[in-house]
Protein backbone atom coordinates (compact mmCIF):
# COMPACT_ATOMS: atom_id res chain seq x y z
CA MET A 1 36.05 16.75 -7.15
CA THR A 2 33.28 19.26 -8.39
CA SER A 3 29.62 18.91 -8.16
CA ARG A 4 29.34 18.25 -11.73
CA HIS A 5 31.13 15.80 -11.64
CA ARG A 6 30.26 14.15 -8.56
CA LYS A 7 29.16 10.22 -8.97
CA PRO A 8 25.23 9.86 -8.08
CA ALA A 9 24.76 7.99 -4.42
CA PRO A 10 24.09 4.44 -4.68
CA GLU A 11 20.54 3.06 -4.83
CA TRP A 12 17.96 0.64 -4.72
CA ARG A 13 14.71 0.56 -6.13
CA LEU A 14 11.65 -1.26 -5.88
CA ARG A 15 7.73 -0.91 -7.44
CA ILE A 16 5.16 -0.64 -4.93
CA ALA A 17 1.47 -0.79 -5.42
CA SER A 18 -1.13 -0.29 -3.50
CA TYR A 19 -4.57 -1.90 -4.90
CA ASN A 20 -8.54 -1.94 -2.47
CA ILE A 21 -9.74 -5.35 -4.14
CA ARG A 22 -13.00 -5.12 -2.56
CA LYS A 23 -12.36 -8.50 -1.14
CA ALA A 24 -11.74 -9.89 -4.74
CA VAL A 25 -15.16 -9.15 -5.77
CA GLY A 26 -15.26 -7.59 -9.19
CA LEU A 27 -18.11 -5.31 -11.00
CA ASP A 28 -19.61 -8.88 -12.12
CA TRP A 29 -20.39 -9.20 -8.55
CA LYS A 30 -18.31 -12.34 -8.40
CA ARG A 31 -15.68 -13.21 -6.28
CA ARG A 32 -12.93 -13.89 -8.21
CA PRO A 33 -9.47 -13.78 -6.09
CA GLU A 34 -7.49 -15.49 -9.22
CA ARG A 35 -8.29 -12.20 -11.08
CA ILE A 36 -6.92 -10.01 -8.39
CA LEU A 37 -3.69 -11.95 -8.85
CA SER A 38 -3.69 -11.52 -12.56
CA VAL A 39 -3.99 -8.03 -12.27
CA LEU A 40 -1.28 -7.78 -10.00
CA ASP A 41 0.87 -9.52 -12.36
CA GLU A 42 0.23 -7.32 -15.16
CA ILE A 43 1.95 -4.52 -12.92
CA GLN A 44 4.83 -6.85 -11.53
CA PRO A 45 5.37 -5.18 -8.13
CA ASP A 46 8.16 -5.81 -5.80
CA VAL A 47 5.99 -4.88 -2.52
CA ILE A 48 2.26 -4.73 -2.79
CA VAL A 49 -0.10 -3.23 -0.43
CA LEU A 50 -4.21 -4.00 -0.47
CA GLN A 51 -7.23 -3.12 1.00
CA GLU A 52 -10.54 -4.69 1.70
CA ALA A 53 -7.85 -8.09 2.05
CA ASP A 54 -10.49 -10.06 4.12
CA LYS A 55 -13.91 -10.81 4.12
CA ARG A 56 -15.88 -8.76 6.99
CA LEU A 57 -17.96 -11.77 8.36
CA GLY A 58 -16.93 -14.22 11.42
CA GLN A 59 -13.25 -14.20 11.80
CA ARG A 60 -12.40 -12.11 8.65
CA PRO A 61 -10.99 -14.84 6.87
CA ALA A 62 -8.73 -13.97 3.84
CA ALA A 63 -10.28 -12.68 0.15
CA ILE A 64 -7.41 -14.28 -1.39
CA PRO A 65 -6.76 -17.84 0.33
CA PHE A 66 -3.91 -18.65 1.50
CA GLY A 67 -3.99 -21.66 -1.14
CA LEU A 68 -4.48 -19.80 -3.99
CA LEU A 69 -1.53 -17.26 -3.12
CA ALA A 70 0.81 -20.95 -2.58
CA THR A 71 0.14 -22.02 -6.11
CA HIS A 72 0.49 -18.96 -7.68
CA GLY A 73 3.81 -18.52 -5.96
CA ALA A 74 4.79 -15.14 -7.45
CA TYR A 75 4.43 -13.43 -3.90
CA GLN A 76 4.75 -14.34 -0.07
CA HIS A 77 2.15 -12.94 2.17
CA LEU A 78 3.75 -11.02 5.47
CA ASP A 79 1.98 -12.30 8.69
CA PRO A 80 -0.23 -10.08 10.43
CA GLY A 81 -0.43 -12.09 13.36
CA PRO A 82 -2.79 -15.46 13.97
CA GLY A 83 -5.85 -16.12 12.52
CA PRO A 84 -7.63 -16.89 9.35
CA SER A 85 -7.13 -13.12 7.58
CA LEU A 86 -4.64 -12.18 5.14
CA GLY A 87 -4.37 -8.48 6.88
CA TRP A 88 -5.03 -6.37 10.13
CA HIS A 89 -8.49 -4.77 9.51
CA GLY A 90 -8.01 -5.67 6.07
CA ASN A 91 -4.90 -3.97 4.89
CA ALA A 92 -2.30 -6.79 3.88
CA ILE A 93 1.35 -6.85 2.47
CA LEU A 94 2.25 -9.34 -0.10
CA LEU A 95 6.00 -9.32 -1.03
CA ARG A 96 7.95 -10.92 -4.26
CA LYS A 97 10.68 -12.98 -3.87
CA GLY A 98 14.00 -11.27 -3.46
CA PHE A 99 12.27 -9.13 -0.55
CA ALA A 100 11.75 -9.55 3.06
CA GLY A 101 9.73 -7.96 6.10
CA GLU A 102 8.66 -8.20 9.04
CA VAL A 103 5.50 -6.90 11.18
CA LEU A 104 6.25 -3.69 13.37
CA ASP A 105 3.24 -2.66 14.62
CA ARG A 106 -0.79 -3.01 14.29
CA LEU A 107 -2.40 0.07 14.66
CA ASP A 108 -6.03 0.42 16.00
CA LEU A 109 -7.23 4.01 13.98
CA PRO A 110 -9.11 6.51 16.19
CA GLY A 111 -12.96 7.38 14.69
CA LEU A 112 -16.30 5.97 14.26
CA GLU A 113 -15.54 3.47 11.75
CA PRO A 114 -13.31 0.58 13.06
CA ARG A 115 -9.58 0.76 10.96
CA GLY A 116 -6.32 0.42 11.79
CA ALA A 117 -2.85 0.33 9.50
CA LEU A 118 -0.06 -2.45 9.48
CA VAL A 119 3.42 -1.12 9.72
CA ALA A 120 5.91 -3.32 8.43
CA ARG A 121 9.90 -3.32 7.57
CA ILE A 122 10.85 -4.02 4.14
CA ARG A 123 14.18 -4.75 3.07
CA PRO A 124 16.08 -6.46 -0.21
CA THR A 125 17.16 -10.09 0.82
CA ALA A 126 20.59 -9.24 -1.15
CA GLY A 127 22.17 -6.04 -0.21
CA ALA A 128 21.79 -3.37 2.26
CA GLY A 129 19.16 -0.93 3.49
CA SER A 130 15.44 -0.92 4.25
CA PHE A 131 12.56 1.04 5.35
CA ALA A 132 8.69 1.14 6.82
CA LEU A 133 5.90 0.84 5.04
CA VAL A 134 2.22 1.96 6.28
CA ALA A 135 -0.25 -0.13 4.83
CA ALA A 136 -3.48 1.61 5.55
CA HIS A 137 -6.93 2.04 4.55
CA LEU A 138 -8.28 5.76 6.00
CA GLY A 139 -12.40 6.55 7.36
CA LEU A 140 -14.50 8.36 5.17
CA LYS A 141 -15.14 11.29 7.60
CA ARG A 142 -12.09 13.99 6.90
CA GLY A 143 -12.10 14.75 11.10
CA SER A 144 -11.29 10.99 11.18
CA ARG A 145 -9.01 10.81 8.29
CA HIS A 146 -6.54 13.69 10.47
CA GLN A 147 -6.53 12.10 13.49
CA GLN A 148 -5.71 8.40 11.86
CA VAL A 149 -2.81 10.11 9.78
CA SER A 150 -1.66 11.70 13.11
CA THR A 151 -1.46 8.43 14.84
CA ILE A 152 0.19 6.93 11.84
CA LEU A 153 3.04 9.27 11.73
CA SER A 154 3.81 9.22 15.14
CA ALA A 155 4.07 5.58 15.35
CA THR A 156 6.95 6.00 12.75
CA ARG A 157 8.44 9.29 14.33
CA ASN A 158 11.17 7.53 15.82
CA LEU A 159 11.97 4.59 13.30
CA ARG A 160 14.70 6.28 11.64
CA LEU A 161 13.82 4.69 8.48
CA PRO A 162 12.55 6.10 5.05
CA VAL A 163 8.46 5.73 5.26
CA VAL A 164 5.98 4.86 2.83
CA LEU A 165 2.33 5.35 3.36
CA ALA A 166 0.65 3.50 0.84
CA GLY A 167 -3.37 2.74 0.47
CA ASP A 168 -6.87 4.12 0.05
CA LEU A 169 -6.56 7.06 2.10
CA ASN A 170 -10.75 7.89 1.06
CA GLU A 171 -9.04 11.51 0.50
CA ARG A 172 -10.03 13.54 -2.65
CA ALA A 173 -7.56 16.55 -1.20
CA PRO A 174 -4.87 14.82 -0.49
CA ALA A 175 -3.01 18.13 0.43
CA ARG A 176 -5.11 19.22 2.96
CA LEU A 177 -4.96 15.86 4.84
CA LEU A 178 -1.03 16.94 5.09
CA ALA A 179 -1.26 20.42 5.73
CA PRO A 180 -1.59 20.25 9.69
CA PHE A 181 1.96 17.99 9.88
CA HIS A 182 5.32 19.91 9.77
CA ARG A 183 7.50 16.94 8.57
CA ASP A 184 9.19 16.44 5.52
CA LEU A 185 6.76 14.73 3.74
CA ARG A 186 5.38 14.11 -0.12
CA LEU A 187 2.49 13.44 -1.69
CA VAL A 188 1.88 11.24 -4.92
CA THR A 189 -0.90 11.15 -6.30
CA PRO A 190 -1.05 9.20 -9.42
CA GLY A 191 -4.29 10.00 -11.01
CA PRO A 192 -8.34 8.60 -10.38
CA SER A 193 -8.37 5.47 -9.47
CA PHE A 194 -12.10 5.61 -8.72
CA HIS A 195 -14.47 4.03 -9.90
CA ALA A 196 -12.59 1.74 -11.83
CA ALA A 197 -15.31 1.57 -14.48
CA HIS A 198 -15.19 5.17 -15.30
CA PRO A 199 -12.61 6.63 -13.09
CA PHE A 200 -13.11 10.29 -11.62
CA VAL A 201 -11.77 10.77 -8.32
CA ALA A 202 -8.18 10.09 -7.06
CA LEU A 203 -8.71 8.27 -3.44
CA ASP A 204 -5.39 6.49 -3.72
CA HIS A 205 -2.38 8.05 -2.88
CA MET A 206 1.09 7.42 -1.34
CA ILE A 207 3.17 9.60 1.08
CA LEU A 208 6.46 9.45 1.21
CA GLY A 209 8.88 10.59 4.30
CA GLY A 210 12.63 10.85 4.68
CA ALA A 211 15.12 9.36 2.16
CA VAL A 212 12.59 7.93 -0.54
CA ARG A 213 13.03 9.46 -4.28
CA LEU A 214 9.86 9.28 -6.58
CA ILE A 215 10.89 7.79 -9.52
CA ARG A 216 7.60 7.44 -11.20
CA ALA A 217 3.39 6.45 -10.67
CA GLN A 218 0.69 5.55 -12.47
CA VAL A 219 -2.80 4.32 -12.55
CA HIS A 220 -2.80 0.75 -13.68
CA VAL A 221 -5.58 0.74 -16.02
CA THR A 222 -6.35 -2.37 -18.62
CA GLY A 223 -9.37 -4.18 -19.48
CA LEU A 224 -8.80 -6.49 -16.38
CA SER A 225 -8.32 -3.94 -13.85
CA ARG A 226 -11.67 -2.41 -14.76
CA VAL A 227 -13.13 -5.20 -13.73
CA ALA A 228 -11.53 -6.54 -11.25
CA SER A 229 -12.46 -4.35 -8.06
CA ASP A 230 -14.38 -0.91 -7.61
CA HIS A 231 -10.79 0.76 -7.50
CA LEU A 232 -7.86 0.80 -10.01
CA PRO A 233 -4.62 0.03 -8.64
CA ILE A 234 -1.84 2.28 -8.23
CA TRP A 235 1.98 2.02 -8.33
CA ALA A 236 5.04 4.00 -7.96
CA ASP A 237 8.99 3.04 -8.70
CA LEU A 238 10.79 4.32 -5.45
CA ALA A 239 14.56 4.61 -4.71
CA PHE A 240 16.20 4.34 -1.46
CA PRO A 241 19.74 5.17 -0.15
CA THR A 242 21.85 2.06 0.40
């Protein structure tokens, strides 16, 4: 069979969204977690990575109450461990029905600020295939961000899975962030995502490694997303081999 007539390899697809929700506090300075869920409903993602998903004080309770998630019903929470938090260092993962996951690692990232990343294996409940998802919110200093990416890449190097890193990377020049690392890494930057009212800089990105194909990506801009947080959510449609 010639290459012109070769059948394409079978794939499975999903939509992944990344959203810094600023603890569910909108630009009107009202904490309205139900508004965050409404923005996600507009996007219709299968997998969601949230940043600043927990409040900062005390035991860091979830900014989106577990009861509200249960009542809403569209997304299940991937539990990062014991406690009242939705995420790990504020990084949380939600899954739509039809997808399952397990936490592989909770990383403490180097730097002056307390930062972390959540590493999980995500798979469709029907069919074969899985990938490693890293939910991260990188630091404000460039030197720290390089160290943090290095830590994440070291933690995922031996997983033998496609890797998707998604989050608020706090990086205006993400290609420079990846330059020191000699791996098959592709950058996904859909466009300016901050500030939500007048987006002028792309701080939210995805990094793809291994056998994962980008179909399309976009910043989600609607009337609701412009007020629900200080960041706009980003999303990408991805394809993985079965």
